[in-house]
N, C-alpha and C. Protein backbone atom coordinates (compact mmCIF):
# COMPACT_ATOMS: atom_id res chain seq x y z
N MET A 1 -10.33 -22.08 5.89
CA MET A 1 -9.20 -21.88 4.96
C MET A 1 -10.98 -21.03 4.23
N ALA A 2 -9.48 -20.47 3.28
CA ALA A 2 -10.42 -19.28 1.93
C ALA A 2 -11.17 -20.59 0.85
N GLU A 3 -12.02 -19.95 0.23
CA GLU A 3 -12.59 -20.64 -0.31
C GLU A 3 -12.26 -20.08 -2.24
N GLN A 4 -12.36 -20.73 -3.20
CA GLN A 4 -12.29 -20.74 -4.77
C GLN A 4 -12.61 -20.44 -5.28
N ARG A 5 -12.95 -19.66 -5.85
CA ARG A 5 -13.85 -18.57 -6.69
C ARG A 5 -13.09 -18.31 -7.82
N ASN A 6 -13.96 -18.67 -8.96
CA ASN A 6 -13.12 -18.28 -10.39
C ASN A 6 -11.65 -18.60 -10.28
N ASP A 7 -11.16 -19.49 -10.46
CA ASP A 7 -9.46 -19.04 -9.94
C ASP A 7 -8.60 -17.96 -8.95
N ARG A 8 -9.66 -17.91 -8.17
CA ARG A 8 -9.33 -16.47 -7.40
C ARG A 8 -9.24 -16.89 -6.00
N LEU A 9 -8.59 -16.75 -5.00
CA LEU A 9 -9.03 -17.08 -3.14
C LEU A 9 -10.35 -15.73 -2.96
N ALA A 10 -11.31 -16.65 -2.73
CA ALA A 10 -12.25 -15.52 -2.71
C ALA A 10 -12.23 -14.81 -1.00
N CYS A 11 -12.62 -13.47 -0.98
CA CYS A 11 -12.25 -11.77 -0.11
C CYS A 11 -12.89 -11.23 0.38
N PRO A 12 -13.65 -11.46 1.15
CA PRO A 12 -15.20 -10.64 1.68
C PRO A 12 -14.16 -9.33 1.71
N GLU A 13 -13.51 -8.45 1.60
CA GLU A 13 -13.27 -7.66 1.26
C GLU A 13 -13.09 -6.66 0.12
N CYS A 14 -12.43 -8.02 -0.96
CA CYS A 14 -12.52 -7.13 -2.29
C CYS A 14 -14.04 -7.61 -2.76
N ASP A 15 -14.15 -8.15 -2.56
CA ASP A 15 -16.63 -8.81 -2.68
C ASP A 15 -16.70 -7.21 -2.29
N ARG A 16 -16.71 -6.58 -1.29
CA ARG A 16 -17.27 -5.60 -0.74
C ARG A 16 -16.55 -4.25 -1.82
N LEU A 17 -15.15 -4.32 -1.96
CA LEU A 17 -14.66 -3.15 -2.36
C LEU A 17 -15.41 -3.03 -4.23
N ARG A 18 -15.43 -5.01 -4.54
CA ARG A 18 -15.81 -4.70 -6.53
C ARG A 18 -17.43 -4.30 -6.62
N ASP A 19 -17.87 -5.09 -5.37
CA ASP A 19 -19.65 -4.39 -5.31
C ASP A 19 -19.99 -2.59 -5.25
N GLN A 20 -18.80 -1.92 -4.66
CA GLN A 20 -18.47 0.01 -4.38
C GLN A 20 -18.42 -0.28 -5.96
N LEU A 21 -17.26 -0.47 -6.44
CA LEU A 21 -16.91 0.16 -8.10
C LEU A 21 -18.14 -0.19 -8.44
N ALA A 22 -18.62 -1.24 -8.46
CA ALA A 22 -19.76 -1.11 -9.67
C ALA A 22 -20.73 -0.15 -9.46
N ALA A 23 -21.00 -0.21 -8.30
CA ALA A 23 -21.82 1.18 -7.78
C ALA A 23 -21.64 2.24 -8.29
N ALA A 24 -20.25 2.58 -8.26
CA ALA A 24 -19.86 3.94 -8.53
C ALA A 24 -20.11 3.95 -10.13
N LEU A 25 -19.43 2.84 -10.94
CA LEU A 25 -19.67 3.17 -12.53
C LEU A 25 -20.95 3.14 -12.30
N ASN A 26 -22.30 2.35 -12.08
CA ASN A 26 -23.88 2.33 -12.64
C ASN A 26 -23.60 3.29 -12.50
N LEU A 27 -23.43 4.73 -11.40
CA LEU A 27 -24.33 5.99 -11.09
C LEU A 27 -23.09 7.13 -12.01
N GLY A 28 -22.62 6.77 -12.77
CA GLY A 28 -21.63 7.40 -13.57
C GLY A 28 -20.56 8.65 -12.63
N ASP A 29 -19.84 7.93 -11.48
CA ASP A 29 -19.16 8.52 -10.39
C ASP A 29 -17.91 7.76 -10.76
N GLN A 30 -17.12 8.24 -11.91
CA GLN A 30 -15.84 7.95 -11.86
C GLN A 30 -14.45 8.39 -10.81
N SER A 31 -15.21 9.03 -10.41
CA SER A 31 -13.88 9.74 -9.53
C SER A 31 -14.00 8.59 -8.07
N GLU A 32 -15.05 8.16 -8.12
CA GLU A 32 -15.52 7.36 -7.07
C GLU A 32 -14.99 5.85 -7.62
N ALA A 33 -15.07 5.49 -8.62
CA ALA A 33 -14.54 4.47 -8.58
C ALA A 33 -13.27 4.42 -9.47
N VAL A 34 -12.78 5.46 -9.22
CA VAL A 34 -10.74 5.39 -9.25
C VAL A 34 -10.72 4.70 -8.19
N ASP A 35 -11.10 5.67 -6.66
CA ASP A 35 -10.87 5.50 -5.32
C ASP A 35 -11.03 3.80 -5.45
N TYR A 36 -11.42 3.79 -5.16
CA TYR A 36 -11.70 1.85 -5.42
C TYR A 36 -11.04 1.08 -5.71
N ARG A 37 -10.68 1.28 -7.36
CA ARG A 37 -9.89 1.05 -7.85
C ARG A 37 -8.64 0.92 -7.83
N VAL A 38 -8.23 2.24 -6.47
CA VAL A 38 -6.70 2.12 -6.11
C VAL A 38 -6.90 1.04 -5.04
N LEU A 39 -8.03 1.21 -4.21
CA LEU A 39 -8.29 0.60 -2.73
C LEU A 39 -8.16 -1.02 -3.13
N LEU A 40 -8.75 -1.57 -4.07
CA LEU A 40 -8.54 -3.08 -4.87
C LEU A 40 -7.08 -3.66 -5.31
N ARG A 41 -6.38 -2.32 -5.81
CA ARG A 41 -5.03 -2.80 -6.79
C ARG A 41 -4.19 -2.52 -5.44
N ARG A 42 -4.14 -2.37 -3.80
CA ARG A 42 -3.37 -1.89 -3.31
C ARG A 42 -3.94 -2.95 -1.83
N HIS A 43 -4.76 -4.09 -1.99
CA HIS A 43 -5.19 -4.65 -0.99
C HIS A 43 -3.75 -5.76 -1.34
N PRO A 44 -3.53 -6.01 -0.02
CA PRO A 44 -2.22 -7.11 -0.05
C PRO A 44 -2.41 -8.38 -0.90
N ARG A 45 -3.62 -9.00 -0.87
CA ARG A 45 -3.70 -10.66 -1.47
C ARG A 45 -3.50 -10.11 -2.52
N HIS A 46 -3.97 -9.33 -3.66
CA HIS A 46 -4.28 -9.10 -4.86
C HIS A 46 -3.08 -7.94 -5.52
N ASP A 47 -2.29 -7.77 -5.42
CA ASP A 47 -1.54 -6.89 -6.07
C ASP A 47 -1.66 -6.81 -7.47
N ASP A 48 -1.32 -8.30 -7.68
CA ASP A 48 -0.78 -8.34 -9.21
C ASP A 48 -2.36 -8.54 -9.95
N THR A 49 -3.28 -8.83 -9.59
CA THR A 49 -4.81 -8.92 -10.01
C THR A 49 -5.12 -7.62 -10.42
N PRO A 50 -5.47 -7.90 -12.18
CA PRO A 50 -5.87 -6.83 -12.80
C PRO A 50 -7.52 -6.65 -11.99
N VAL A 51 -7.79 -5.12 -11.77
CA VAL A 51 -9.39 -4.88 -11.57
C VAL A 51 -9.99 -4.95 -12.53
N THR A 52 -11.62 -6.32 -12.73
CA THR A 52 -12.50 -5.58 -13.45
C THR A 52 -13.53 -5.20 -12.92
N SER A 53 -14.06 -4.76 -13.78
CA SER A 53 -15.59 -3.90 -13.06
C SER A 53 -16.65 -5.28 -13.63
N GLU A 54 -17.64 -4.76 -12.28
CA GLU A 54 -18.83 -5.41 -12.59
C GLU A 54 -20.63 -4.43 -13.33
N ARG A 55 -19.92 -3.53 -14.31
CA ARG A 55 -21.06 -2.66 -14.15
C ARG A 55 -22.13 -3.23 -14.82
N LYS A 56 -23.16 -2.86 -14.48
CA LYS A 56 -24.54 -3.24 -14.98
C LYS A 56 -24.82 -2.14 -15.32
N HIS A 57 -25.88 -2.85 -17.17
CA HIS A 57 -26.15 -1.77 -18.03
C HIS A 57 -27.75 -1.85 -18.03
N SER A 58 -27.96 -0.89 -17.84
CA SER A 58 -29.39 -0.15 -17.91
C SER A 58 -30.21 0.61 -19.46
């Protein structure tokens, strides 16, 4: 059974994609960031969930 995290079901694939999205944003690679946003939106369990970034400011 999937665990609950912040009112969403925990999904290892989504976690991985969010981490890669954050890394792309931190590097300033907007093209790659768009790719990860698309992959997150296409993920079958999260079609209606807006994508948020975990951008870390330095």
